[in-house]
Amino acid sequence: MSNFNEFQRAAKAAIRVALQWFFLAIPTGLICGLVGTLFHLSVERVTELRADQPWLLFLLPAAGLLITALYKATKCEGVGTNNIIRAVQSGEPVSILLVPAIFLGTVLTHLCGGSAGREGAALQMGGSIGWNVGTLLHLKDHDRRTATISGMAAFFSALFGTPLTAALFAMMVEDVGLTFTSAFVPAFTSALIAYGCSLAFGIAPTHFAITAPELTVWSAFLVILLGFACAAVSRLFCGLLHFMEHKVPQLLPNPWLRVFVGSVAVIAFSYLFGVGRYNGAGMGVITAAVEQGEALPWDFLCKIFLTALTLSCGFKGGEVVPSFFVGATFGCVFGPLLGLPAGFAAAVGLVSIFCGATNALIPSILMGFELFSGAGLELIALGCGICYMLSGHHGLYSSQTFVTNKLRSEYMSHKLRHKVKNQEE
């Protein structure tokens, strides 16, 4: 009888938790799906408008000043993806005002030609929505962290159409080597609901058609060499982002002056190297590199610099789509030098540099599956693994911690984790 009573109590507890995640996932997925769809359509529309009206680039200083004023008005100055990561790590609260601030800030950045992506906004808006939904449902502290992860997954899924990648990325990006497995069901359910919302409004998932070489010892060796090179580019990308993120505010401490001077520099750079090519997210260039094998040798360097300049002077967006751009264009140019097809090398570069920059190995491999329909998955996974292993204990997000060593099968000591975080900051 005691065993039956214990089973009954366990069953009731499991059902109660399942219902809790059900009531969390539905509103989180719906809200993030609808806001994410609106955000996707807004960014897409302003990108088309900027392409038709190149003179909008000259409004970049005005857009920068508006973004600065918006962040001051909402008291979201200095708030970004690192705050969302800390919300999962330590339960740090996230203001709901971050949603309109990053939404409008990113749209303005894309409208006027700043070089940035969308996923930084996705993680921030999704995390903010998830945390606040959890608060409204009166969830406990650790359960609000799960709600934050669910929001991140849902918004990421709505933008890219990769629900499984989105769920695992949100579960694993905060602490390298640690997976919040208990968050999988609510995160994946939220991601699927948000994905369904985006499909309902006619947003096609991000997908590339590639032809992969046969899996042989030789092709694997060539991908390993490409993975080595991608690790170096990933270090360069993250290093320059962090360097300028700290140095530009030191040189120009006044945020109004900083965003104005930065805007002028972005405009000048754009006219020197090609208006439109490096502005915005650059999905057209990414598609050309992967599907047509076309890229310029200096594309990846220009994108790295312009993205670092845009974000360091106060504009809003993200670093993941720029990492796609950097990886795809670098792979497209460097791969053929090794003997790999340009388009396939671009695909390997895209996923590998995303992996090296975010330190999210398993989500990156799944992204390779979802973006390329499984074509060349073993070789793409190999490139990811090499880049992950050699890209160092740093990445795009300074709040990210390293629970395990990326090179050896050992846990990172508290002292070493602290040292790595200090180097990032």
Protein backbone atom coordinates (compact mmCIF):
# COMPACT_ATOMS: atom_id res chain seq x y z
CA MET A 1 0.00 0.00 0.00
CA SER A 2 2.84 2.39 0.87
CA ASN A 3 4.41 1.76 -2.55
CA PHE A 4 1.07 2.53 -4.21
CA ASN A 5 0.67 5.75 -2.22
CA GLU A 6 4.20 6.78 -3.15
CA PHE A 7 3.50 6.05 -6.81
CA GLN A 8 0.26 8.05 -6.59
CA ARG A 9 2.06 11.06 -5.09
CA ALA A 10 4.79 10.87 -7.75
CA ALA A 11 2.21 10.63 -10.52
CA LYS A 12 0.29 13.64 -9.22
CA ALA A 13 3.51 15.66 -8.93
CA ALA A 14 4.50 14.74 -12.50
CA ILE A 15 1.05 15.67 -13.84
CA ARG A 16 1.14 18.95 -11.94
CA VAL A 17 4.53 19.86 -13.42
CA ALA A 18 3.44 18.78 -16.91
CA LEU A 19 0.36 21.01 -16.66
CA GLN A 20 2.53 23.87 -15.40
CA TRP A 21 4.79 23.59 -18.45
CA PHE A 22 1.73 23.28 -20.70
CA PHE A 23 0.26 26.51 -19.35
CA LEU A 24 3.66 28.19 -19.71
CA ALA A 25 4.43 26.95 -23.23
CA ILE A 26 1.13 27.96 -24.84
CA PRO A 27 1.10 31.70 -23.98
CA THR A 28 4.88 31.98 -24.36
CA GLY A 29 4.83 30.30 -27.77
CA LEU A 30 1.85 32.32 -28.98
CA ILE A 31 3.15 35.70 -27.79
CA CYS A 32 6.68 35.08 -29.05
CA GLY A 33 5.33 33.65 -32.30
CA LEU A 34 3.12 36.65 -32.99
CA VAL A 35 5.66 39.29 -31.90
CA GLY A 36 8.43 37.35 -33.67
CA THR A 37 6.39 37.23 -36.87
CA LEU A 38 5.72 40.97 -36.68
CA PHE A 39 9.41 41.56 -36.03
CA HIS A 40 10.47 39.35 -38.95
CA LEU A 41 8.07 41.10 -41.33
CA SER A 42 9.18 44.53 -40.08
CA VAL A 43 12.88 43.81 -40.58
CA GLU A 44 12.19 42.26 -43.98
CA ARG A 45 10.14 45.26 -45.07
CA VAL A 46 12.64 47.91 -43.94
CA THR A 47 15.46 45.92 -45.58
CA GLU A 48 13.57 45.99 -48.89
CA LEU A 49 12.86 49.70 -48.40
CA ARG A 50 16.54 50.47 -47.77
CA ALA A 51 17.52 48.51 -50.89
CA ASP A 52 15.05 50.58 -52.95
CA GLN A 53 16.00 53.87 -51.27
CA PRO A 54 19.79 53.89 -50.66
CA TRP A 55 19.62 57.48 -49.38
CA LEU A 56 18.15 56.12 -46.13
CA LEU A 57 21.75 55.34 -45.13
CA PHE A 58 22.23 59.07 -44.51
CA LEU A 59 19.51 58.92 -41.82
CA LEU A 60 21.68 56.55 -39.76
CA PRO A 61 22.85 59.33 -37.36
CA ALA A 62 19.24 60.33 -36.69
CA ALA A 63 18.29 56.67 -36.15
CA GLY A 64 21.19 56.29 -33.71
CA LEU A 65 20.08 59.30 -31.69
CA LEU A 66 16.49 57.96 -31.60
CA ILE A 67 17.72 54.56 -30.38
CA THR A 68 19.79 56.21 -27.65
CA ALA A 69 16.79 58.27 -26.53
CA LEU A 70 14.55 55.19 -26.61
CA TYR A 71 16.89 53.18 -24.39
CA LYS A 72 17.19 56.07 -21.94
CA ALA A 73 13.41 56.48 -21.81
CA THR A 74 12.83 52.76 -21.14
CA LYS A 75 15.79 52.57 -18.72
CA CYS A 76 17.28 49.74 -20.79
CA GLU A 77 20.71 51.30 -21.31
CA GLY A 78 23.39 48.65 -21.28
CA VAL A 79 20.83 45.82 -21.26
CA GLY A 80 21.44 43.10 -23.83
CA THR A 81 21.76 39.37 -24.45
CA ASN A 82 24.18 39.00 -21.53
CA ASN A 83 21.38 40.07 -19.17
CA ILE A 84 19.11 37.36 -20.58
CA ILE A 85 21.85 34.79 -20.04
CA ARG A 86 22.24 35.96 -16.43
CA ALA A 87 18.46 35.69 -15.97
CA VAL A 88 18.83 31.95 -16.65
CA GLN A 89 22.03 31.57 -14.61
CA SER A 90 21.05 33.52 -11.51
CA GLY A 91 17.41 34.58 -11.87
CA GLU A 92 18.23 38.21 -12.67
CA PRO A 93 14.96 40.05 -13.50
CA VAL A 94 14.30 41.27 -17.05
CA SER A 95 12.22 44.35 -17.78
CA ILE A 96 9.32 43.91 -20.21
CA LEU A 97 10.26 47.35 -21.62
CA LEU A 98 13.24 45.64 -23.26
CA VAL A 99 10.80 44.20 -25.83
CA PRO A 100 9.73 47.51 -27.46
CA ALA A 101 13.23 48.96 -27.00
CA ILE A 102 15.11 46.21 -28.85
CA PHE A 103 12.27 45.76 -31.38
CA LEU A 104 12.29 49.39 -32.50
CA GLY A 105 16.06 49.74 -32.08
CA THR A 106 16.77 46.79 -34.36
CA VAL A 107 14.22 47.86 -36.97
CA LEU A 108 15.75 51.37 -37.06
CA THR A 109 19.24 49.90 -37.34
CA HIS A 110 18.21 47.78 -40.33
CA LEU A 111 16.20 50.57 -41.94
CA CYS A 112 19.16 52.93 -42.03
CA GLY A 113 21.93 50.47 -42.85
CA GLY A 114 23.63 49.41 -39.63
CA SER A 115 25.38 46.04 -39.86
CA ALA A 116 23.61 43.71 -37.42
CA GLY A 117 21.52 40.59 -37.23
CA ARG A 118 18.16 39.71 -35.73
CA GLU A 119 18.80 36.94 -33.22
CA GLY A 120 20.21 39.21 -30.51
CA ALA A 121 16.83 40.91 -30.53
CA ALA A 122 15.15 37.50 -30.65
CA LEU A 123 16.94 36.22 -27.55
CA GLN A 124 16.35 39.48 -25.69
CA MET A 125 12.65 39.82 -26.58
CA GLY A 126 11.99 36.11 -26.11
CA GLY A 127 13.82 36.00 -22.79
CA SER A 128 12.00 39.09 -21.54
CA ILE A 129 8.59 37.73 -22.60
CA GLY A 130 9.32 34.31 -21.09
CA TRP A 131 10.56 35.72 -17.78
CA ASN A 132 7.54 38.01 -17.44
CA VAL A 133 5.06 35.27 -18.39
CA GLY A 134 6.66 33.14 -15.68
CA THR A 135 6.23 36.01 -13.22
CA LEU A 136 2.55 36.42 -14.16
CA LEU A 137 2.05 32.69 -13.59
CA HIS A 138 3.69 33.08 -10.15
CA LEU A 139 6.38 30.52 -10.95
CA LYS A 140 9.22 29.93 -8.52
CA ASP A 141 12.67 31.35 -9.23
CA HIS A 142 14.12 28.29 -11.00
CA ASP A 143 10.92 27.81 -12.96
CA ARG A 144 11.11 31.43 -14.16
CA ARG A 145 14.54 30.57 -15.52
CA THR A 146 12.92 27.76 -17.50
CA ALA A 147 10.32 30.27 -18.69
CA THR A 148 13.15 32.55 -19.88
CA ILE A 149 14.69 29.66 -21.83
CA SER A 150 11.28 28.87 -23.35
CA GLY A 151 10.85 32.45 -24.52
CA MET A 152 14.31 32.51 -26.06
CA ALA A 153 13.60 29.26 -27.90
CA ALA A 154 10.21 30.42 -29.14
CA PHE A 155 11.40 33.73 -30.56
CA PHE A 156 14.50 32.18 -32.17
CA SER A 157 12.25 29.53 -33.77
CA ALA A 158 9.80 32.14 -35.09
CA LEU A 159 12.62 33.98 -36.86
CA PHE A 160 14.63 31.11 -38.32
CA GLY A 161 12.13 28.26 -38.58
CA THR A 162 14.43 25.85 -36.73
CA PRO A 163 12.47 24.79 -33.60
CA LEU A 164 14.74 21.96 -32.44
CA THR A 165 17.89 24.04 -32.84
CA ALA A 166 16.18 26.94 -31.08
CA ALA A 167 15.19 24.84 -28.07
CA LEU A 168 18.61 23.27 -27.60
CA PHE A 169 20.44 26.54 -28.22
CA ALA A 170 18.39 28.28 -25.53
CA MET A 171 19.07 25.38 -23.14
CA MET A 172 22.84 25.23 -23.73
CA VAL A 173 24.13 28.71 -24.55
CA GLU A 174 24.26 30.01 -20.96
CA ASP A 175 26.77 27.51 -19.55
CA VAL A 176 29.08 25.59 -21.89
CA GLY A 177 29.09 21.95 -20.86
CA LEU A 178 25.79 22.18 -18.96
CA THR A 179 22.37 21.47 -20.47
CA PHE A 180 19.12 22.51 -18.77
CA THR A 181 17.45 19.24 -19.79
CA SER A 182 14.41 19.85 -17.56
CA ALA A 183 13.59 22.84 -19.79
CA PHE A 184 13.40 20.79 -22.99
CA VAL A 185 9.65 20.05 -23.06
CA PRO A 186 8.44 23.60 -22.35
CA ALA A 187 11.17 25.12 -24.56
CA PHE A 188 10.55 22.80 -27.50
CA THR A 189 6.77 23.10 -27.16
CA SER A 190 7.03 26.91 -27.12
CA ALA A 191 9.35 26.77 -30.13
CA LEU A 192 6.93 24.57 -32.08
CA ILE A 193 3.98 26.87 -31.30
CA ALA A 194 5.97 29.95 -32.35
CA TYR A 195 7.12 28.15 -35.50
CA GLY A 196 3.49 27.34 -36.29
CA CYS A 197 2.56 31.02 -35.87
CA SER A 198 5.26 32.11 -38.32
CA LEU A 199 4.11 29.50 -40.86
CA ALA A 200 0.51 30.65 -40.48
CA PHE A 201 1.58 34.14 -41.58
CA GLY A 202 3.44 32.82 -44.60
CA ILE A 203 7.01 33.09 -43.30
CA ALA A 204 9.09 30.35 -44.86
CA PRO A 205 11.75 28.74 -42.65
CA THR A 206 15.37 29.60 -43.43
CA HIS A 207 16.64 26.89 -45.77
CA PHE A 208 19.52 26.50 -48.23
CA ALA A 209 19.92 23.99 -51.04
CA ILE A 210 23.43 22.51 -51.19
CA THR A 211 25.20 19.60 -52.83
CA ALA A 212 27.60 17.82 -50.51
CA PRO A 213 30.67 15.83 -51.57
CA GLU A 214 30.86 12.13 -50.74
CA LEU A 215 32.02 11.29 -47.23
CA THR A 216 35.55 9.96 -47.64
CA VAL A 217 38.79 10.13 -45.66
CA TRP A 218 40.04 12.82 -48.03
CA SER A 219 36.91 15.00 -47.85
CA ALA A 220 36.96 14.66 -44.05
CA PHE A 221 40.61 15.75 -43.99
CA LEU A 222 39.81 18.82 -46.10
CA VAL A 223 36.92 19.75 -43.79
CA ILE A 224 39.24 19.40 -40.79
CA LEU A 225 41.59 21.94 -42.39
CA LEU A 226 38.63 24.24 -43.03
CA GLY A 227 37.57 23.79 -39.39
CA PHE A 228 41.03 24.92 -38.25
CA ALA A 229 40.76 28.07 -40.38
CA CYS A 230 37.19 28.75 -39.17
CA ALA A 231 38.39 28.60 -35.56
CA ALA A 232 40.92 31.36 -36.31
CA VAL A 233 38.23 33.50 -37.99
CA SER A 234 35.85 32.88 -35.07
CA ARG A 235 38.51 34.12 -32.64
CA LEU A 236 39.06 37.19 -34.81
CA PHE A 237 35.33 37.91 -35.01
CA CYS A 238 34.67 37.60 -31.27
CA GLY A 239 37.94 39.34 -30.35
CA LEU A 240 37.25 42.41 -32.47
CA LEU A 241 33.64 42.63 -31.25
CA HIS A 242 34.75 42.63 -27.61
CA PHE A 243 37.70 44.94 -28.25
CA MET A 244 35.55 47.60 -29.90
CA GLU A 245 32.72 47.06 -27.42
CA HIS A 246 35.12 48.21 -24.67
CA LYS A 247 37.40 50.65 -26.51
CA VAL A 248 34.82 52.73 -28.39
CA PRO A 249 32.92 53.75 -25.20
CA GLN A 250 36.26 54.60 -23.58
CA LEU A 251 37.21 56.85 -26.49
CA LEU A 252 33.71 58.37 -26.76
CA PRO A 253 32.05 58.11 -23.35
CA ASN A 254 29.13 60.37 -24.30
CA PRO A 255 26.50 58.00 -25.84
CA TRP A 256 24.99 60.72 -28.05
CA LEU A 257 28.35 61.66 -29.53
CA ARG A 258 29.39 58.02 -29.79
CA VAL A 259 26.37 56.97 -31.85
CA PHE A 260 26.66 60.04 -34.10
CA VAL A 261 30.37 59.58 -34.83
CA GLY A 262 29.85 55.84 -35.29
CA SER A 263 27.05 56.50 -37.78
CA VAL A 264 29.28 58.75 -39.88
CA ALA A 265 31.99 56.04 -39.83
CA VAL A 266 29.50 53.36 -40.94
CA ILE A 267 28.32 55.58 -43.83
CA ALA A 268 31.89 56.27 -44.93
CA PHE A 269 32.84 52.58 -44.75
CA SER A 270 29.73 51.61 -46.73
CA TYR A 271 30.62 53.97 -49.58
CA LEU A 272 34.22 52.79 -49.62
CA PHE A 273 33.41 49.08 -49.82
CA GLY A 274 29.95 48.95 -51.39
CA VAL A 275 26.65 50.38 -50.21
CA GLY A 276 24.21 47.64 -49.30
CA ARG A 277 26.58 44.67 -49.40
CA TYR A 278 27.62 44.82 -45.74
CA ASN A 279 24.67 46.79 -44.35
CA GLY A 280 21.85 45.05 -42.52
CA ALA A 281 21.95 41.29 -42.01
CA GLY A 282 23.25 40.43 -45.48
CA MET A 283 21.07 37.37 -46.13
CA GLY A 284 21.36 37.90 -49.88
CA VAL A 285 25.15 37.60 -49.73
CA ILE A 286 24.85 34.51 -47.49
CA THR A 287 22.48 32.85 -49.97
CA ALA A 288 24.76 33.66 -52.90
CA ALA A 289 27.75 32.17 -51.08
CA VAL A 290 25.99 28.93 -50.10
CA GLU A 291 23.78 28.26 -53.12
CA GLN A 292 25.83 29.83 -55.91
CA GLY A 293 29.36 29.67 -54.51
CA GLU A 294 29.88 33.41 -54.98
CA ALA A 295 31.71 35.69 -52.52
CA LEU A 296 34.43 38.33 -52.54
CA PRO A 297 37.74 37.52 -50.79
CA TRP A 298 37.39 40.45 -48.37
CA ASP A 299 33.68 39.99 -47.57
CA PHE A 300 34.21 38.30 -44.22
CA LEU A 301 36.71 40.93 -43.02
CA CYS A 302 34.44 43.82 -44.02
CA LYS A 303 31.46 42.25 -42.26
CA ILE A 304 33.46 41.62 -39.08
CA PHE A 305 34.63 45.22 -38.90
CA LEU A 306 31.33 46.88 -39.82
CA THR A 307 29.35 44.71 -37.37
CA ALA A 308 31.80 45.50 -34.55
CA LEU A 309 31.59 49.20 -35.39
CA THR A 310 27.78 49.22 -35.60
CA LEU A 311 27.18 47.46 -32.30
CA SER A 312 29.95 49.18 -30.34
CA CYS A 313 28.63 52.67 -31.11
CA GLY A 314 25.13 51.92 -29.81
CA PHE A 315 23.02 50.38 -32.57
CA LYS A 316 20.93 47.30 -31.90
CA GLY A 317 20.65 43.87 -33.44
CA GLY A 318 22.62 40.69 -33.07
CA GLU A 319 25.82 38.92 -33.93
CA VAL A 320 24.59 35.50 -35.08
CA VAL A 321 23.44 36.40 -38.61
CA PRO A 322 26.68 38.37 -39.11
CA SER A 323 28.49 35.19 -38.00
CA PHE A 324 26.55 33.34 -40.72
CA PHE A 325 27.73 35.98 -43.21
CA VAL A 326 31.34 35.76 -42.02
CA GLY A 327 31.34 31.96 -42.06
CA ALA A 328 29.60 31.56 -45.41
CA THR A 329 31.77 34.09 -47.27
CA PHE A 330 35.00 32.87 -45.66
CA GLY A 331 34.19 29.22 -46.41
CA CYS A 332 33.17 30.08 -49.96
CA VAL A 333 36.56 31.70 -50.62
CA PHE A 334 38.86 29.47 -48.57
CA GLY A 335 37.20 26.09 -49.27
CA PRO A 336 38.04 25.94 -53.00
CA LEU A 337 41.71 26.61 -52.15
CA LEU A 338 41.62 23.31 -50.27
CA GLY A 339 39.71 21.51 -53.03
CA LEU A 340 36.20 21.69 -51.54
CA PRO A 341 33.18 22.89 -53.58
CA ALA A 342 32.60 26.59 -52.86
CA GLY A 343 28.94 26.28 -51.90
CA PHE A 344 29.46 23.34 -49.57
CA ALA A 345 32.49 24.99 -47.96
CA ALA A 346 30.30 28.06 -47.39
CA ALA A 347 27.76 25.85 -45.60
CA VAL A 348 30.49 24.34 -43.40
CA GLY A 349 31.89 27.79 -42.66
CA LEU A 350 28.45 29.22 -41.81
CA VAL A 351 27.67 26.58 -39.19
CA SER A 352 31.24 26.19 -37.89
CA ILE A 353 31.82 29.88 -37.15
CA PHE A 354 28.38 30.09 -35.54
CA CYS A 355 29.48 27.16 -33.38
CA GLY A 356 32.85 28.69 -32.51
CA ALA A 357 31.31 32.08 -31.72
CA THR A 358 28.45 30.77 -29.54
CA ASN A 359 30.20 27.69 -28.06
CA ALA A 360 27.03 25.68 -28.74
CA LEU A 361 28.20 22.47 -30.42
CA ILE A 362 25.09 20.26 -30.46
CA PRO A 363 22.69 23.08 -31.47
CA SER A 364 25.10 24.01 -34.28
CA ILE A 365 25.09 20.48 -35.66
CA LEU A 366 21.28 20.43 -35.48
CA MET A 367 21.21 23.79 -37.24
CA GLY A 368 23.27 22.24 -40.03
CA PHE A 369 20.63 19.54 -40.31
CA GLU A 370 17.67 21.94 -40.30
CA LEU A 371 19.21 24.55 -42.62
CA PHE A 372 20.56 22.10 -45.21
CA SER A 373 18.05 19.21 -44.89
CA GLY A 374 20.74 16.86 -43.64
CA ALA A 375 22.99 17.15 -46.72
CA GLY A 376 26.63 16.51 -45.78
CA LEU A 377 25.72 16.41 -42.09
CA GLU A 378 28.69 14.27 -41.03
CA LEU A 379 31.18 16.63 -42.68
CA ILE A 380 29.40 19.72 -41.34
CA ALA A 381 29.44 18.19 -37.85
CA LEU A 382 33.17 17.51 -38.21
CA GLY A 383 33.85 21.13 -39.15
CA CYS A 384 31.76 22.29 -36.16
CA GLY A 385 33.64 20.01 -33.81
CA ILE A 386 37.07 21.20 -34.91
CA CYS A 387 36.06 24.87 -34.77
CA TYR A 388 34.43 24.40 -31.35
CA MET A 389 37.49 22.68 -29.94
CA LEU A 390 39.98 25.30 -31.19
CA SER A 391 37.99 28.54 -30.85
CA GLY A 392 39.04 29.07 -27.24
CA HIS A 393 37.20 29.70 -23.99
CA HIS A 394 35.48 32.87 -25.12
CA GLY A 395 32.67 33.78 -27.47
CA LEU A 396 30.06 36.36 -28.36
CA TYR A 397 28.54 36.53 -24.88
CA SER A 398 30.70 37.57 -21.94
CA SER A 399 28.11 36.26 -19.43
CA GLN A 400 28.52 32.75 -20.80
CA THR A 401 30.38 30.46 -18.38
CA PHE A 402 32.44 27.36 -19.14
CA VAL A 403 31.52 24.43 -16.91
CA THR A 404 33.73 21.99 -18.80
CA ASN A 405 36.98 22.42 -20.67
CA LYS A 406 36.60 22.47 -24.47
CA LEU A 407 39.87 20.63 -25.07
CA ARG A 408 40.00 18.07 -22.24
CA SER A 409 37.46 15.93 -20.40
CA GLU A 410 37.55 17.88 -17.17
CA TYR A 411 35.51 20.42 -15.30
CA MET A 412 36.72 24.00 -15.24
CA SER A 413 37.79 25.12 -11.78
CA HIS A 414 36.00 28.10 -10.26
CA LYS A 415 39.25 30.06 -10.41
CA LEU A 416 39.76 29.34 -14.12
CA ARG A 417 36.13 30.18 -14.92
CA HIS A 418 36.59 33.51 -13.15
CA LYS A 419 39.79 34.17 -15.12
CA VAL A 420 38.10 33.40 -18.45
CA LYS A 421 35.16 35.70 -17.59
CA ASN A 422 37.54 38.51 -16.63
CA GLN A 423 39.36 38.15 -19.94
CA GLU A 424 36.01 38.47 -21.74
CA GLU A 425 34.99 41.54 -19.75
